[in-house]
Amino acid sequence: MHIRIYTTSWCPDCRQAKRFLEECQLPFEEIDIEVELSGAKFVKHANDGKRKVPTFDVDGRIFSCSPFSAHGLKQALGL
């Protein structure tokens, strides 16, 4: 499973999502949308024009997890 997470440095939901992935020992690629302009464009396109973070791309399946829910993320990842 390839997990890409689009984040911002100041987002508490992003920090919780990353902590969850680390605790589950799931490797992920992080894209800070305030640094990577292409990441910001992707997030806006995926979320009907909104900068909604964290947004996930898991093997081509796109979804957001805002507000953060460990249960929701677990289900979305099929864990």
Protein backbone atom coordinates (compact mmCIF):
# COMPACT_ATOMS: atom_id res chain seq x y z
CA MET A 1 0.00 0.00 0.00
CA HIS A 2 1.39 3.42 -0.97
CA ILE A 3 0.14 6.23 1.27
CA ARG A 4 0.60 9.87 0.39
CA ILE A 5 -0.70 12.43 2.88
CA TYR A 6 -1.16 16.10 2.03
CA THR A 7 -0.68 18.31 5.08
CA THR A 8 0.21 21.72 6.49
CA SER A 9 2.67 22.27 9.32
CA TRP A 10 0.09 24.00 11.57
CA CYS A 11 -2.80 21.52 11.20
CA PRO A 12 -3.62 19.50 14.36
CA ASP A 13 -5.63 16.93 12.32
CA CYS A 14 -2.55 16.38 10.14
CA ARG A 15 -0.35 15.79 13.20
CA GLN A 16 -2.86 13.27 14.57
CA ALA A 17 -3.11 11.47 11.23
CA LYS A 18 0.69 11.21 10.92
CA ARG A 19 0.97 9.97 14.51
CA PHE A 20 -1.69 7.33 13.76
CA LEU A 21 0.20 6.13 10.68
CA GLU A 22 3.47 5.99 12.63
CA GLU A 23 1.87 4.05 15.50
CA CYS A 24 0.48 1.56 12.95
CA GLN A 25 3.96 1.38 11.40
CA LEU A 26 2.58 2.35 8.01
CA PRO A 27 5.12 4.13 5.80
CA PHE A 28 3.84 7.29 4.13
CA GLU A 29 4.97 10.14 1.94
CA GLU A 30 4.10 13.60 3.27
CA ILE A 31 3.45 16.57 1.00
CA ASP A 32 3.21 19.97 2.73
CA ILE A 33 0.82 21.94 0.53
CA GLU A 34 2.27 25.24 1.74
CA VAL A 35 5.66 24.22 0.33
CA GLU A 36 4.64 22.17 -2.72
CA LEU A 37 2.36 24.24 -4.94
CA SER A 38 1.43 21.16 -6.97
CA GLY A 39 0.23 19.57 -3.71
CA ALA A 40 -2.00 22.56 -2.97
CA LYS A 41 -3.51 22.32 -6.46
CA PHE A 42 -4.10 18.59 -6.01
CA VAL A 43 -5.86 19.09 -2.66
CA LYS A 44 -8.10 21.86 -4.01
CA HIS A 45 -9.01 19.74 -7.04
CA ALA A 46 -9.73 16.68 -4.87
CA ASN A 47 -11.88 18.63 -2.39
CA ASP A 48 -14.12 20.77 -4.60
CA GLY A 49 -11.87 23.84 -4.38
CA LYS A 50 -11.19 23.59 -0.63
CA ARG A 51 -7.77 23.30 0.99
CA LYS A 52 -8.89 20.40 3.17
CA VAL A 53 -6.11 18.64 5.07
CA PRO A 54 -5.19 15.99 5.74
CA THR A 55 -6.03 14.63 2.31
CA PHE A 56 -4.90 11.12 1.46
CA ASP A 57 -3.98 9.38 -1.77
CA VAL A 58 -3.85 5.65 -1.03
CA ASP A 59 -3.03 3.68 -4.15
CA GLY A 60 -4.97 6.21 -6.24
CA ARG A 61 -7.98 6.38 -3.89
CA ILE A 62 -8.41 9.96 -2.69
CA PHE A 63 -10.14 10.96 0.55
CA SER A 64 -9.83 13.53 3.32
CA CYS A 65 -9.80 12.93 7.04
CA SER A 66 -10.87 16.28 8.42
CA PRO A 67 -11.77 16.39 11.19
CA PHE A 68 -9.44 13.56 12.15
CA SER A 69 -11.01 10.29 13.18
CA ALA A 70 -8.80 7.32 14.03
CA HIS A 71 -11.73 4.98 13.45
CA GLY A 72 -12.57 6.59 10.10
CA LEU A 73 -8.96 6.49 8.93
CA LYS A 74 -8.61 2.89 10.04
CA GLN A 75 -11.68 1.97 7.98
CA ALA A 76 -10.53 3.97 4.96
CA LEU A 77 -7.18 2.16 5.05
CA GLY A 78 -8.84 -1.24 5.46
CA LEU A 79 -7.16 -2.00 8.79
